Amino acid sequence: MEPLSLIYWIKLCLGVLAAFICILLGVNNIITGAMIGFITYIVSDKVLKQLFIDKVENPSDVTKTGIGIYIITFVFVWALLYTIIRFS
């Protein structure tokens, strides 16, 4: 598997993880949830840059790859889980 493809899938999984963190902490404020998602992304970006620095041409590719899927997955999973828990 190519490094950028692997980074993409890792960020998808991290979006799900960040949503689960918000649910486990009982976050129901959008600002707090967004900050948790942002902090999770920044920390994971630093780690992924260290892991893939030699495998990609440009280190900024690590940051750019998968940012959209991270945001979409985070928002979707958090909203879905929040709805299921709140209205069940």
C-alpha atoms as a PDB file:
ATOM      1  CA  MET A   1       0.000   0.000   0.000  1.00  0.00           C
ATOM      2  CA  GLU A   2       1.306   3.462  -0.884  1.00  0.00           C
ATOM      3  CA  PRO A   3       2.170   5.800   2.002  1.00  0.00           C
ATOM      4  CA  LEU A   4      -0.403   8.457   1.097  1.00  0.00           C
ATOM      5  CA  SER A   5      -3.113   5.842   0.803  1.00  0.00           C
ATOM      6  CA  LEU A   6      -2.183   4.490   4.210  1.00  0.00           C
ATOM      7  CA  ILE A   7      -2.257   8.010   5.684  1.00  0.00           C
ATOM      8  CA  TYR A   8      -5.738   8.496   4.202  1.00  0.00           C
ATOM      9  CA  TRP A   9      -7.083   5.363   5.899  1.00  0.00           C
ATOM     10  CA  ILE A  10      -5.382   6.200   9.189  1.00  0.00           C
ATOM     11  CA  LYS A  11      -7.030   9.625   9.204  1.00  0.00           C
ATOM     12  CA  LEU A  12     -10.421   8.078   8.463  1.00  0.00           C
ATOM     13  CA  CYS A  13     -10.004   5.837  11.518  1.00  0.00           C
ATOM     14  CA  LEU A  14      -8.812   8.788  13.601  1.00  0.00           C
ATOM     15  CA  GLY A  15     -11.989  10.666  12.702  1.00  0.00           C
ATOM     16  CA  VAL A  16     -14.000   7.795  14.133  1.00  0.00           C
ATOM     17  CA  LEU A  17     -11.760   7.715  17.206  1.00  0.00           C
ATOM     18  CA  ALA A  18     -12.183  11.461  17.812  1.00  0.00           C
ATOM     19  CA  ALA A  19     -15.970  11.073  17.574  1.00  0.00           C
ATOM     20  CA  PHE A  20     -15.879   8.234  20.120  1.00  0.00           C
ATOM     21  CA  ILE A  21     -13.788  10.408  22.427  1.00  0.00           C
ATOM     22  CA  CYS A  22     -16.425  13.131  22.244  1.00  0.00           C
ATOM     23  CA  ILE A  23     -19.173  10.627  23.034  1.00  0.00           C
ATOM     24  CA  LEU A  24     -17.242   9.070  25.931  1.00  0.00           C
ATOM     25  CA  LEU A  25     -16.584  12.506  27.423  1.00  0.00           C
ATOM     26  CA  GLY A  26     -20.243  13.441  27.017  1.00  0.00           C
ATOM     27  CA  VAL A  27     -19.518  16.443  24.835  1.00  0.00           C
ATOM     28  CA  ASN A  28     -22.718  18.103  23.622  1.00  0.00           C
ATOM     29  CA  ASN A  29     -21.246  21.511  22.775  1.00  0.00           C
ATOM     30  CA  ILE A  30     -20.144  21.976  19.174  1.00  0.00           C
ATOM     31  CA  ILE A  31     -17.205  24.243  20.109  1.00  0.00           C
ATOM     32  CA  THR A  32     -15.793  21.717  22.565  1.00  0.00           C
ATOM     33  CA  GLY A  33     -16.293  18.893  20.072  1.00  0.00           C
ATOM     34  CA  ALA A  34     -14.588  20.860  17.330  1.00  0.00           C
ATOM     35  CA  MET A  35     -11.640  21.568  19.621  1.00  0.00           C
ATOM     36  CA  ILE A  36     -11.301  17.863  20.472  1.00  0.00           C
ATOM     37  CA  GLY A  37     -11.394  17.040  16.760  1.00  0.00           C
ATOM     38  CA  PHE A  38      -8.853  19.754  15.975  1.00  0.00           C
ATOM     39  CA  ILE A  39      -6.460  18.701  18.736  1.00  0.00           C
ATOM     40  CA  THR A  40      -6.740  15.055  17.674  1.00  0.00           C
ATOM     41  CA  TYR A  41      -5.930  16.030  14.089  1.00  0.00           C
ATOM     42  CA  ILE A  42      -2.929  18.183  15.031  1.00  0.00           C
ATOM     43  CA  VAL A  43      -1.427  15.519  17.292  1.00  0.00           C
ATOM     44  CA  SER A  44      -1.970  12.781  14.723  1.00  0.00           C
ATOM     45  CA  ASP A  45      -0.474  14.999  12.008  1.00  0.00           C
ATOM     46  CA  LYS A  46       2.713  15.470  14.034  1.00  0.00           C
ATOM     47  CA  VAL A  47       2.995  11.715  14.623  1.00  0.00           C
ATOM     48  CA  LEU A  48       2.277  10.820  10.993  1.00  0.00           C
ATOM     49  CA  LYS A  49       4.837  13.334   9.751  1.00  0.00           C
ATOM     50  CA  GLN A  50       7.471  11.662  11.903  1.00  0.00           C
ATOM     51  CA  LEU A  51       6.487   8.198  10.694  1.00  0.00           C
ATOM     52  CA  PHE A  52       6.222   9.026   6.983  1.00  0.00           C
ATOM     53  CA  ILE A  53       8.851  11.773   6.564  1.00  0.00           C
ATOM     54  CA  ASP A  54      11.117   9.556   4.464  1.00  0.00           C
ATOM     55  CA  LYS A  55       8.323   7.929   2.468  1.00  0.00           C
ATOM     56  CA  VAL A  56       6.661  11.012   0.925  1.00  0.00           C
ATOM     57  CA  GLU A  57       8.076  13.653  -1.391  1.00  0.00           C
ATOM     58  CA  ASN A  58       6.783  16.680   0.489  1.00  0.00           C
ATOM     59  CA  PRO A  59       6.026  16.711   4.239  1.00  0.00           C
ATOM     60  CA  SER A  60       3.012  18.962   3.644  1.00  0.00           C
ATOM     61  CA  ASP A  61       1.424  16.084   1.700  1.00  0.00           C
ATOM     62  CA  VAL A  62       0.965  14.307   5.018  1.00  0.00           C
ATOM     63  CA  THR A  63      -1.085  17.230   6.353  1.00  0.00           C
ATOM     64  CA  LYS A  64      -3.148  17.665   3.193  1.00  0.00           C
ATOM     65  CA  THR A  65      -3.913  13.995   2.626  1.00  0.00           C
ATOM     66  CA  GLY A  66      -7.111  12.880   4.289  1.00  0.00           C
ATOM     67  CA  ILE A  67      -8.151  16.149   5.920  1.00  0.00           C
ATOM     68  CA  GLY A  68     -11.537  16.100   4.192  1.00  0.00           C
ATOM     69  CA  ILE A  69     -12.338  12.514   5.082  1.00  0.00           C
ATOM     70  CA  TYR A  70     -11.225  13.166   8.669  1.00  0.00           C
ATOM     71  CA  ILE A  71     -13.637  16.085   9.050  1.00  0.00           C
ATOM     72  CA  ILE A  72     -16.541  14.355   7.316  1.00  0.00           C
ATOM     73  CA  THR A  73     -16.068  11.125   9.262  1.00  0.00           C
ATOM     74  CA  PHE A  74     -15.689  12.934  12.572  1.00  0.00           C
ATOM     75  CA  VAL A  75     -18.843  15.019  12.121  1.00  0.00           C
ATOM     76  CA  PHE A  76     -20.915  12.132  10.743  1.00  0.00           C
ATOM     77  CA  VAL A  77     -19.956   9.575  13.401  1.00  0.00           C
ATOM     78  CA  TRP A  78     -20.268  12.076  16.251  1.00  0.00           C
ATOM     79  CA  ALA A  79     -23.743  13.174  15.088  1.00  0.00           C
ATOM     80  CA  LEU A  80     -24.840   9.587  14.528  1.00  0.00           C
ATOM     81  CA  LEU A  81     -23.653   8.328  17.910  1.00  0.00           C
ATOM     82  CA  TYR A  82     -24.990  11.384  19.722  1.00  0.00           C
ATOM     83  CA  THR A  83     -28.402  10.888  18.117  1.00  0.00           C
ATOM     84  CA  ILE A  84     -28.460   7.191  18.935  1.00  0.00           C
ATOM     85  CA  ILE A  85     -27.477   7.724  22.557  1.00  0.00           C
ATOM     86  CA  ARG A  86     -29.648  10.776  23.140  1.00  0.00           C
ATOM     87  CA  PHE A  87     -32.850   9.437  21.627  1.00  0.00           C
ATOM     88  CA  SER A  88     -32.686   5.760  22.531  1.00  0.00           C
END
